[in-house]
Amino acid sequence: GPQCGTPGNAATPGLLTGLAGIGHGLLRLAAPDAVAPVLLLAAAEAR
């Protein structure tokens, strides 16, 4: 399957690395008003 991050078994600490991060980034590009940023602390209803 697809490999994201660093090659091999090296740990890559970070937020949404891998397929989840790629998917979220593509959703944000397609619909920036509908998909909340990951680091946003407020709930979607409060925006």
N, C-alpha and C. Protein backbone atom coordinates (compact mmCIF):
# COMPACT_ATOMS: atom_id res chain seq x y z
N GLY A 1 0.81 -1.19 0.00
CA GLY A 1 0.00 0.00 0.00
C GLY A 1 0.85 1.25 0.00
N PRO A 2 0.22 2.40 0.08
CA PRO A 2 0.94 3.66 0.09
C PRO A 2 1.76 3.81 1.36
N GLN A 3 2.92 4.41 1.26
CA GLN A 3 3.76 4.67 2.41
C GLN A 3 3.87 6.17 2.60
N CYS A 4 3.60 6.62 3.81
CA CYS A 4 3.65 8.04 4.12
C CYS A 4 4.65 8.25 5.25
N GLY A 5 5.16 9.43 5.36
CA GLY A 5 6.13 9.72 6.40
C GLY A 5 7.52 9.29 5.99
N THR A 6 8.28 8.85 6.96
CA THR A 6 9.65 8.42 6.67
C THR A 6 9.66 6.95 6.26
N PRO A 7 10.62 6.55 5.45
CA PRO A 7 10.68 5.15 5.02
C PRO A 7 11.12 4.24 6.16
N GLY A 8 10.78 2.98 6.04
CA GLY A 8 11.17 2.00 7.05
C GLY A 8 10.27 2.06 8.26
N ASN A 9 10.81 1.66 9.38
CA ASN A 9 10.04 1.63 10.63
C ASN A 9 10.35 2.81 11.53
N ALA A 10 10.85 3.90 10.99
CA ALA A 10 11.17 5.07 11.79
C ALA A 10 9.89 5.73 12.29
N ALA A 11 9.90 6.09 13.55
CA ALA A 11 8.74 6.76 14.13
C ALA A 11 8.66 8.20 13.62
N THR A 12 7.46 8.64 13.29
CA THR A 12 7.26 10.01 12.83
C THR A 12 6.20 10.67 13.70
N PRO A 13 6.60 11.24 14.84
CA PRO A 13 5.60 11.90 15.68
C PRO A 13 5.05 13.13 14.97
N GLY A 14 3.77 13.28 15.00
CA GLY A 14 3.16 14.43 14.36
C GLY A 14 1.66 14.28 14.34
N LEU A 15 1.00 15.29 13.88
CA LEU A 15 -0.45 15.31 13.84
C LEU A 15 -0.93 14.94 12.45
N LEU A 16 -1.73 13.90 12.36
CA LEU A 16 -2.32 13.42 11.11
C LEU A 16 -1.28 13.13 10.04
N THR A 17 -0.27 12.40 10.40
CA THR A 17 0.67 11.95 9.38
C THR A 17 0.13 10.67 8.76
N GLY A 18 0.39 10.45 7.55
CA GLY A 18 -0.08 9.24 6.88
C GLY A 18 -1.35 9.50 6.08
N LEU A 19 -2.11 8.44 5.87
CA LEU A 19 -3.30 8.53 5.02
C LEU A 19 -4.37 9.43 5.62
N ALA A 20 -4.48 9.47 6.94
CA ALA A 20 -5.48 10.35 7.57
C ALA A 20 -5.16 11.81 7.28
N GLY A 21 -3.90 12.18 7.35
CA GLY A 21 -3.50 13.55 7.06
C GLY A 21 -3.70 13.92 5.61
N ILE A 22 -3.38 12.97 4.71
CA ILE A 22 -3.59 13.22 3.29
C ILE A 22 -5.07 13.41 2.99
N GLY A 23 -5.90 12.53 3.54
CA GLY A 23 -7.35 12.64 3.32
C GLY A 23 -7.92 13.93 3.87
N HIS A 24 -7.49 14.32 5.07
CA HIS A 24 -7.99 15.56 5.66
C HIS A 24 -7.53 16.76 4.86
N GLY A 25 -6.30 16.74 4.39
CA GLY A 25 -5.80 17.84 3.56
C GLY A 25 -6.57 17.98 2.26
N LEU A 26 -6.89 16.86 1.63
CA LEU A 26 -7.67 16.91 0.39
C LEU A 26 -9.09 17.39 0.65
N LEU A 27 -9.69 16.97 1.76
CA LEU A 27 -11.03 17.47 2.10
C LEU A 27 -11.01 18.97 2.34
N ARG A 28 -9.96 19.46 3.02
CA ARG A 28 -9.85 20.90 3.27
C ARG A 28 -9.68 21.68 1.97
N LEU A 29 -8.98 21.10 1.00
CA LEU A 29 -8.84 21.77 -0.30
C LEU A 29 -10.15 21.80 -1.06
N ALA A 30 -10.92 20.72 -0.97
CA ALA A 30 -12.17 20.63 -1.71
C ALA A 30 -13.27 21.48 -1.09
N ALA A 31 -13.35 21.51 0.23
CA ALA A 31 -14.43 22.23 0.91
C ALA A 31 -13.89 22.88 2.18
N PRO A 32 -13.15 23.98 2.07
CA PRO A 32 -12.54 24.57 3.26
C PRO A 32 -13.54 25.09 4.28
N ASP A 33 -14.74 25.46 3.85
CA ASP A 33 -15.74 25.95 4.79
C ASP A 33 -16.46 24.82 5.52
N ALA A 34 -16.46 23.63 4.95
CA ALA A 34 -17.19 22.51 5.53
C ALA A 34 -16.33 21.65 6.45
N VAL A 35 -15.02 21.68 6.26
CA VAL A 35 -14.12 20.82 7.04
C VAL A 35 -13.31 21.71 7.97
N ALA A 36 -13.44 21.46 9.27
CA ALA A 36 -12.75 22.28 10.26
C ALA A 36 -11.26 21.96 10.30
N PRO A 37 -10.43 22.96 10.59
CA PRO A 37 -9.00 22.68 10.77
C PRO A 37 -8.80 21.78 11.99
N VAL A 38 -7.78 20.96 11.95
CA VAL A 38 -7.53 20.02 13.04
C VAL A 38 -7.18 20.74 14.33
N LEU A 39 -6.45 21.83 14.24
CA LEU A 39 -5.98 22.53 15.43
C LEU A 39 -6.98 23.53 15.99
N LEU A 40 -8.14 23.64 15.38
CA LEU A 40 -9.16 24.57 15.86
C LEU A 40 -9.75 24.04 17.16
N LEU A 41 -9.71 24.85 18.20
CA LEU A 41 -10.18 24.39 19.51
C LEU A 41 -11.68 24.53 19.67
N ALA A 42 -12.32 25.43 18.96
CA ALA A 42 -13.76 25.63 19.09
C ALA A 42 -14.52 24.57 18.31
N ALA A 43 -15.72 24.29 18.76
CA ALA A 43 -16.57 23.32 18.06
C ALA A 43 -17.07 23.93 16.75
N ALA A 44 -17.52 23.09 15.84
CA ALA A 44 -17.99 23.55 14.54
C ALA A 44 -19.21 24.46 14.68
N GLU A 45 -20.06 24.19 15.66
CA GLU A 45 -21.26 25.01 15.85
C GLU A 45 -20.91 26.42 16.32
N ALA A 46 -19.79 26.57 17.02
CA ALA A 46 -19.41 27.87 17.56
C ALA A 46 -18.79 28.77 16.50
N ARG A 47 -18.37 28.20 15.38
CA ARG A 47 -17.73 29.02 14.34
C ARG A 47 -18.76 29.80 13.67
